[in-house]
Amino acid sequence: MFKIPLKIRLLLFFPSPSIFLSMGLCCYCRDKTGFWKKSCLDCVKLQEALDSLEKGGTFGYNELLTCFFDTGVSSEKIKLFLETDLTGKGALRDRIVARMTNEIMEGLGTPSTIDSEKAKKIREEIKKLFLEKEVPE
């Protein structure tokens, strides 16, 4: 009977070694977490703060940052949390900018259909235009 080598059998169950490399790292800030945990404690606090704001309805960038700073998490982690794009459709910052833009345009009487992907593309185009200068976040 033909015996399958151990390396091939392991590849059948674990096709990508990146699975093991990403275990134990926070999906937002890439800090160490527990082996099976997806997020570190600071990013869990930030996610809970974001969920509480989203339950309350619409909110602005000022309310979001105030709520994030009230959690006691460092500003570096807050920046990483806002910049992380887990889905590939735009970071949290892009989603908020798109929502706020749509609300402003609706208030002005002009319908707008900007989503987080379009906001991400606009932000990247601005970075290309001002490549040598640092774009304010």
N, C-alpha and C. Protein backbone atom coordinates (compact mmCIF):
# COMPACT_ATOMS: atom_id res chain seq x y z
N MET A 1 0.84 -1.18 0.00
CA MET A 1 0.00 0.00 0.00
C MET A 1 0.88 1.24 0.00
N PHE A 2 0.45 2.23 -0.74
CA PHE A 2 1.21 3.47 -0.87
C PHE A 2 1.03 4.33 0.36
N LYS A 3 2.13 4.81 0.92
CA LYS A 3 2.08 5.65 2.12
C LYS A 3 2.39 7.10 1.73
N ILE A 4 1.50 8.02 2.15
CA ILE A 4 1.68 9.44 1.84
C ILE A 4 2.66 10.04 2.84
N PRO A 5 3.67 10.75 2.33
CA PRO A 5 4.65 11.35 3.24
C PRO A 5 3.99 12.34 4.21
N LEU A 6 4.63 12.50 5.35
CA LEU A 6 4.09 13.36 6.41
C LEU A 6 3.92 14.81 5.95
N LYS A 7 4.87 15.34 5.19
CA LYS A 7 4.77 16.72 4.73
C LYS A 7 3.52 16.92 3.88
N ILE A 8 3.22 15.99 3.02
CA ILE A 8 2.04 16.11 2.15
C ILE A 8 0.77 15.99 2.96
N ARG A 9 0.76 15.08 3.93
CA ARG A 9 -0.43 14.94 4.78
C ARG A 9 -0.68 16.22 5.58
N LEU A 10 0.37 16.86 6.08
CA LEU A 10 0.21 18.10 6.82
C LEU A 10 -0.29 19.22 5.91
N LEU A 11 0.19 19.25 4.67
CA LEU A 11 -0.27 20.28 3.73
C LEU A 11 -1.75 20.10 3.39
N LEU A 12 -2.24 18.88 3.43
CA LEU A 12 -3.66 18.66 3.16
C LEU A 12 -4.53 19.26 4.26
N PHE A 13 -4.06 19.20 5.50
CA PHE A 13 -4.83 19.73 6.61
C PHE A 13 -4.55 21.22 6.85
N PHE A 14 -3.32 21.64 6.61
CA PHE A 14 -2.92 23.02 6.83
C PHE A 14 -2.27 23.55 5.55
N PRO A 15 -3.07 24.02 4.60
CA PRO A 15 -2.53 24.38 3.29
C PRO A 15 -1.61 25.59 3.29
N SER A 16 -1.75 26.49 4.23
CA SER A 16 -0.93 27.70 4.21
C SER A 16 -0.20 27.87 5.53
N PRO A 17 1.13 28.03 5.49
CA PRO A 17 1.85 28.24 6.75
C PRO A 17 1.53 29.59 7.38
N SER A 18 0.93 30.52 6.61
CA SER A 18 0.59 31.82 7.17
C SER A 18 -0.48 31.69 8.26
N ILE A 19 -1.22 30.59 8.25
CA ILE A 19 -2.21 30.35 9.30
C ILE A 19 -1.52 30.34 10.66
N PHE A 20 -0.38 29.67 10.73
CA PHE A 20 0.33 29.58 11.99
C PHE A 20 1.04 30.88 12.33
N LEU A 21 1.50 31.60 11.32
CA LEU A 21 2.21 32.85 11.58
C LEU A 21 1.27 33.92 12.12
N SER A 22 0.00 33.90 11.69
CA SER A 22 -0.92 34.93 12.15
C SER A 22 -1.61 34.58 13.46
N MET A 23 -1.51 33.34 13.91
CA MET A 23 -2.11 32.96 15.19
C MET A 23 -1.33 33.63 16.31
N GLY A 24 -2.06 34.20 17.23
CA GLY A 24 -1.42 34.84 18.36
C GLY A 24 -1.09 36.30 18.12
N LEU A 25 -1.50 36.85 16.95
CA LEU A 25 -1.28 38.26 16.67
C LEU A 25 -2.63 38.94 16.48
N CYS A 26 -2.73 40.16 16.99
CA CYS A 26 -3.96 40.93 16.86
C CYS A 26 -4.17 41.30 15.40
N CYS A 27 -5.40 41.16 14.92
CA CYS A 27 -5.69 41.46 13.52
C CYS A 27 -5.66 42.95 13.23
N TYR A 28 -5.70 43.81 14.24
CA TYR A 28 -5.66 45.25 14.04
C TYR A 28 -4.25 45.82 14.20
N CYS A 29 -3.62 45.57 15.34
CA CYS A 29 -2.35 46.22 15.64
C CYS A 29 -1.15 45.27 15.55
N ARG A 30 -1.38 43.98 15.34
CA ARG A 30 -0.34 42.96 15.21
C ARG A 30 0.46 42.75 16.49
N ASP A 31 -0.10 43.14 17.65
CA ASP A 31 0.53 42.82 18.93
C ASP A 31 0.20 41.39 19.30
N LYS A 32 0.92 40.88 20.28
CA LYS A 32 0.68 39.50 20.71
C LYS A 32 -0.65 39.39 21.45
N THR A 33 -1.34 38.30 21.18
CA THR A 33 -2.58 37.96 21.88
C THR A 33 -2.45 36.53 22.37
N GLY A 34 -3.53 35.99 22.88
CA GLY A 34 -3.55 34.58 23.18
C GLY A 34 -3.51 33.79 21.89
N PHE A 35 -3.23 32.50 21.96
CA PHE A 35 -3.04 31.69 20.76
C PHE A 35 -4.28 31.67 19.88
N TRP A 36 -5.47 31.56 20.46
CA TRP A 36 -6.70 31.48 19.66
C TRP A 36 -7.45 32.79 19.56
N LYS A 37 -6.93 33.85 20.18
CA LYS A 37 -7.65 35.13 20.17
C LYS A 37 -7.39 35.90 18.88
N LYS A 38 -8.41 36.64 18.45
CA LYS A 38 -8.32 37.42 17.22
C LYS A 38 -7.77 38.82 17.48
N SER A 39 -8.08 39.39 18.64
CA SER A 39 -7.71 40.77 18.96
C SER A 39 -7.10 40.86 20.35
N CYS A 40 -6.23 41.86 20.52
CA CYS A 40 -5.66 42.11 21.85
C CYS A 40 -6.71 42.84 22.70
N LEU A 41 -6.43 43.00 23.98
CA LEU A 41 -7.39 43.61 24.90
C LEU A 41 -7.68 45.06 24.54
N ASP A 42 -6.64 45.80 24.11
CA ASP A 42 -6.85 47.21 23.75
C ASP A 42 -7.77 47.33 22.54
N CYS A 43 -7.56 46.50 21.53
CA CYS A 43 -8.40 46.57 20.33
C CYS A 43 -9.82 46.07 20.61
N VAL A 44 -9.96 45.16 21.55
CA VAL A 44 -11.31 44.74 21.97
C VAL A 44 -12.03 45.92 22.61
N LYS A 45 -11.32 46.70 23.44
CA LYS A 45 -11.92 47.90 24.05
C LYS A 45 -12.37 48.88 22.97
N LEU A 46 -11.50 49.08 21.96
CA LEU A 46 -11.84 50.01 20.88
C LEU A 46 -13.05 49.50 20.08
N GLN A 47 -13.10 48.21 19.83
CA GLN A 47 -14.23 47.64 19.09
C GLN A 47 -15.53 47.78 19.88
N GLU A 48 -15.46 47.57 21.19
CA GLU A 48 -16.65 47.74 22.03
C GLU A 48 -17.10 49.19 22.04
N ALA A 49 -16.15 50.13 22.08
CA ALA A 49 -16.50 51.55 22.05
C ALA A 49 -17.16 51.90 20.71
N LEU A 50 -16.63 51.36 19.63
CA LEU A 50 -17.22 51.60 18.31
C LEU A 50 -18.63 51.01 18.22
N ASP A 51 -18.81 49.81 18.74
CA ASP A 51 -20.14 49.19 18.73
C ASP A 51 -21.15 50.01 19.52
N SER A 52 -20.72 50.56 20.67
CA SER A 52 -21.64 51.37 21.47
C SER A 52 -22.03 52.65 20.74
N LEU A 53 -21.09 53.23 19.99
CA LEU A 53 -21.41 54.43 19.21
C LEU A 53 -22.35 54.10 18.05
N GLU A 54 -22.11 52.98 17.39
CA GLU A 54 -22.96 52.60 16.25
C GLU A 54 -24.38 52.28 16.68
N LYS A 55 -24.55 51.77 17.90
CA LYS A 55 -25.91 51.50 18.41
C LYS A 55 -26.67 52.79 18.64
N GLY A 56 -25.95 53.86 18.98
CA GLY A 56 -26.58 55.14 19.26
C GLY A 56 -27.00 55.91 18.01
N GLY A 57 -26.66 55.44 16.84
CA GLY A 57 -27.04 56.13 15.61
C GLY A 57 -25.84 56.79 14.95
N THR A 58 -26.07 57.96 14.37
CA THR A 58 -24.98 58.64 13.67
C THR A 58 -24.05 59.32 14.65
N PHE A 59 -22.80 59.40 14.26
CA PHE A 59 -21.80 60.06 15.08
C PHE A 59 -20.73 60.63 14.15
N GLY A 60 -20.03 61.62 14.65
CA GLY A 60 -18.98 62.26 13.88
C GLY A 60 -17.62 61.75 14.29
N TYR A 61 -16.63 62.24 13.57
CA TYR A 61 -15.26 61.83 13.83
C TYR A 61 -14.81 62.29 15.21
N ASN A 62 -15.28 63.46 15.64
CA ASN A 62 -14.91 63.99 16.95
C ASN A 62 -15.45 63.09 18.07
N GLU A 63 -16.70 62.68 17.95
CA GLU A 63 -17.28 61.78 18.97
C GLU A 63 -16.56 60.44 19.00
N LEU A 64 -16.17 59.95 17.82
CA LEU A 64 -15.46 58.68 17.74
C LEU A 64 -14.12 58.76 18.45
N LEU A 65 -13.34 59.79 18.14
CA LEU A 65 -12.02 59.92 18.76
C LEU A 65 -12.13 60.18 20.25
N THR A 66 -13.11 60.96 20.67
CA THR A 66 -13.31 61.19 22.11
C THR A 66 -13.62 59.88 22.83
N CYS A 67 -14.48 59.09 22.22
CA CYS A 67 -14.84 57.79 22.80
C CYS A 67 -13.62 56.85 22.85
N PHE A 68 -12.80 56.88 21.79
CA PHE A 68 -11.60 56.04 21.76
C PHE A 68 -10.59 56.48 22.82
N PHE A 69 -10.38 57.79 22.98
CA PHE A 69 -9.42 58.26 23.97
C PHE A 69 -9.91 57.99 25.39
N ASP A 70 -11.22 57.95 25.59
CA ASP A 70 -11.78 57.64 26.91
C ASP A 70 -11.50 56.20 27.34
N THR A 71 -11.20 55.32 26.38
CA THR A 71 -10.90 53.92 26.73
C THR A 71 -9.53 53.78 27.38
N GLY A 72 -8.66 54.78 27.20
CA GLY A 72 -7.33 54.71 27.78
C GLY A 72 -6.31 54.02 26.90
N VAL A 73 -6.66 53.72 25.67
CA VAL A 73 -5.75 53.06 24.74
C VAL A 73 -4.83 54.12 24.13
N SER A 74 -3.58 53.73 23.85
CA SER A 74 -2.61 54.68 23.31
C SER A 74 -3.03 55.17 21.92
N SER A 75 -2.57 56.36 21.59
CA SER A 75 -2.95 56.96 20.30
C SER A 75 -2.37 56.18 19.12
N GLU A 76 -1.23 55.51 19.30
CA GLU A 76 -0.66 54.70 18.23
C GLU A 76 -1.58 53.53 17.89
N LYS A 77 -2.12 52.90 18.92
CA LYS A 77 -3.04 51.78 18.67
C LYS A 77 -4.35 52.25 18.07
N ILE A 78 -4.81 53.43 18.47
CA ILE A 78 -6.03 53.97 17.88
C ILE A 78 -5.81 54.23 16.39
N LYS A 79 -4.65 54.77 16.05
CA LYS A 79 -4.34 55.03 14.64
C LYS A 79 -4.29 53.73 13.85
N LEU A 80 -3.66 52.70 14.40
CA LEU A 80 -3.61 51.40 13.72
C LEU A 80 -5.00 50.80 13.56
N PHE A 81 -5.83 50.97 14.60
CA PHE A 81 -7.19 50.45 14.56
C PHE A 81 -8.00 51.13 13.45
N LEU A 82 -7.83 52.44 13.30
CA LEU A 82 -8.56 53.18 12.27
C LEU A 82 -8.06 52.87 10.87
N GLU A 83 -6.78 52.51 10.73
CA GLU A 83 -6.19 52.27 9.42
C GLU A 83 -6.31 50.83 8.94
N THR A 84 -6.64 49.91 9.82
CA THR A 84 -6.68 48.51 9.44
C THR A 84 -7.87 48.23 8.53
N ASP A 85 -7.58 47.56 7.43
CA ASP A 85 -8.60 47.19 6.45
C ASP A 85 -8.71 45.67 6.44
N LEU A 86 -9.62 45.14 7.23
CA LEU A 86 -9.76 43.69 7.34
C LEU A 86 -10.46 43.07 6.15
N THR A 87 -11.36 43.79 5.51
CA THR A 87 -12.17 43.23 4.43
C THR A 87 -11.65 43.55 3.04
N GLY A 88 -10.74 44.51 2.93
CA GLY A 88 -10.25 44.94 1.63
C GLY A 88 -11.14 45.98 0.97
N LYS A 89 -12.19 46.41 1.65
CA LYS A 89 -13.12 47.39 1.10
C LYS A 89 -12.95 48.77 1.71
N GLY A 90 -11.90 48.96 2.44
CA GLY A 90 -11.67 50.25 3.07
C GLY A 90 -11.57 50.11 4.58
N ALA A 91 -10.74 50.93 5.16
CA ALA A 91 -10.53 50.90 6.60
C ALA A 91 -11.71 51.56 7.31
N LEU A 92 -11.70 51.47 8.62
CA LEU A 92 -12.75 52.08 9.43
C LEU A 92 -12.81 53.58 9.15
N ARG A 93 -11.66 54.20 9.04
CA ARG A 93 -11.60 55.63 8.72
C ARG A 93 -12.31 55.93 7.40
N ASP A 94 -12.12 55.08 6.39
CA ASP A 94 -12.77 55.28 5.09
C ASP A 94 -14.28 55.11 5.19
N ARG A 95 -14.72 54.14 5.98
CA ARG A 95 -16.17 53.93 6.15
C ARG A 95 -16.82 55.15 6.80
N ILE A 96 -16.16 55.71 7.82
CA ILE A 96 -16.73 56.86 8.52
C ILE A 96 -16.74 58.09 7.61
N VAL A 97 -15.65 58.30 6.86
CA VAL A 97 -15.59 59.44 5.94
C VAL A 97 -16.67 59.32 4.87
N ALA A 98 -16.88 58.12 4.34
CA ALA A 98 -17.91 57.90 3.32
C ALA A 98 -19.30 58.18 3.88
N ARG A 99 -19.58 57.70 5.08
CA ARG A 99 -20.89 57.92 5.69
C ARG A 99 -21.12 59.40 5.95
N MET A 100 -20.11 60.09 6.49
CA MET A 100 -20.26 61.51 6.78
C MET A 100 -20.42 62.33 5.49
N THR A 101 -19.70 61.95 4.44
CA THR A 101 -19.83 62.64 3.15
C THR A 101 -21.24 62.47 2.60
N ASN A 102 -21.77 61.27 2.68
CA ASN A 102 -23.13 61.03 2.19
C ASN A 102 -24.16 61.83 2.99
N GLU A 103 -23.97 61.93 4.31
CA GLU A 103 -24.90 62.70 5.14
C GLU A 103 -24.84 64.19 4.81
N ILE A 104 -23.63 64.71 4.60
CA ILE A 104 -23.48 66.13 4.24
C ILE A 104 -24.13 66.41 2.89
N MET A 105 -23.86 65.57 1.91
CA MET A 105 -24.42 65.78 0.57
C MET A 105 -25.93 65.65 0.59
N GLU A 106 -26.46 64.74 1.39
CA GLU A 106 -27.91 64.60 1.52
C GLU A 106 -28.52 65.85 2.16
N GLY A 107 -27.82 66.41 3.14
CA GLY A 107 -28.28 67.63 3.78
C GLY A 107 -28.29 68.82 2.83
N LEU A 108 -27.40 68.79 1.86
CA LEU A 108 -27.34 69.85 0.86
C LEU A 108 -28.32 69.63 -0.29
N GLY A 109 -28.98 68.49 -0.28
CA GLY A 109 -29.97 68.20 -1.31
C GLY A 109 -29.42 67.47 -2.51
N THR A 110 -28.20 67.03 -2.45
CA THR A 110 -27.58 66.29 -3.55
C THR A 110 -27.35 64.85 -3.10
N PRO A 111 -27.99 63.89 -3.76
CA PRO A 111 -27.75 62.50 -3.36
C PRO A 111 -26.32 62.07 -3.68
N SER A 112 -25.74 61.31 -2.79
CA SER A 112 -24.37 60.86 -2.94
C SER A 112 -24.30 59.37 -2.66
N THR A 113 -23.47 58.68 -3.41
CA THR A 113 -23.35 57.23 -3.23
C THR A 113 -21.89 56.84 -2.99
N ILE A 114 -21.18 57.63 -2.22
CA ILE A 114 -19.79 57.29 -1.91
C ILE A 114 -19.78 56.19 -0.86
N ASP A 115 -19.05 55.12 -1.16
CA ASP A 115 -18.89 54.04 -0.19
C ASP A 115 -17.44 54.02 0.27
N SER A 116 -17.11 53.08 1.14
CA SER A 116 -15.76 53.05 1.71
C SER A 116 -14.71 52.74 0.66
N GLU A 117 -15.06 51.98 -0.36
CA GLU A 117 -14.09 51.68 -1.42
C GLU A 117 -13.72 52.94 -2.20
N LYS A 118 -14.73 53.78 -2.51
CA LYS A 118 -14.46 55.03 -3.22
C LYS A 118 -13.66 55.99 -2.34
N ALA A 119 -13.97 56.04 -1.05
CA ALA A 119 -13.22 56.90 -0.14
C ALA A 119 -11.76 56.44 -0.05
N LYS A 120 -11.55 55.14 -0.08
CA LYS A 120 -10.18 54.59 -0.06
C LYS A 120 -9.44 54.99 -1.33
N LYS A 121 -10.10 54.89 -2.48
CA LYS A 121 -9.47 55.26 -3.75
C LYS A 121 -9.12 56.74 -3.77
N ILE A 122 -10.02 57.59 -3.28
CA ILE A 122 -9.76 59.03 -3.24
C ILE A 122 -8.57 59.33 -2.33
N ARG A 123 -8.52 58.68 -1.17
CA ARG A 123 -7.40 58.90 -0.24
C ARG A 123 -6.08 58.47 -0.88
N GLU A 124 -6.08 57.33 -1.60
CA GLU A 124 -4.87 56.86 -2.25
C GLU A 124 -4.44 57.79 -3.39
N GLU A 125 -5.41 58.35 -4.13
CA GLU A 125 -5.08 59.30 -5.20
C GLU A 125 -4.48 60.58 -4.63
N ILE A 126 -4.99 61.03 -3.48
CA ILE A 126 -4.43 62.22 -2.84
C ILE A 126 -3.00 61.94 -2.39
N LYS A 127 -2.75 60.74 -1.87
CA LYS A 127 -1.38 60.39 -1.47
C LYS A 127 -0.45 60.37 -2.68
N LYS A 128 -0.94 59.90 -3.84
CA LYS A 128 -0.10 59.90 -5.04
C LYS A 128 0.22 61.32 -5.50
N LEU A 129 -0.76 62.23 -5.39
CA LEU A 129 -0.53 63.61 -5.80
C LEU A 129 0.50 64.30 -4.92
N PHE A 130 0.43 64.03 -3.63
CA PHE A 130 1.34 64.65 -2.67
C PHE A 130 2.31 63.62 -2.13
N LEU A 131 2.99 62.91 -3.03
CA LEU A 131 3.86 61.82 -2.63
C LEU A 131 5.01 62.28 -1.75
N GLU A 132 5.60 63.43 -2.07
CA GLU A 132 6.73 63.89 -1.27
C GLU A 132 6.28 64.57 0.01
N LYS A 133 5.02 65.02 0.06
CA LYS A 133 4.51 65.66 1.27
C LYS A 133 3.70 64.64 2.07
N GLU A 134 3.64 64.84 3.36
CA GLU A 134 2.85 63.96 4.20
C GLU A 134 1.43 64.49 4.26
N VAL A 135 0.46 63.62 3.92
CA VAL A 135 -0.95 64.00 3.90
C VAL A 135 -1.49 63.96 5.31
N PRO A 136 -2.16 65.02 5.78
CA PRO A 136 -2.75 64.97 7.13
C PRO A 136 -3.83 63.91 7.21
N GLU A 137 -3.80 63.16 8.26
CA GLU A 137 -4.75 62.04 8.44
C GLU A 137 -6.03 62.53 9.06
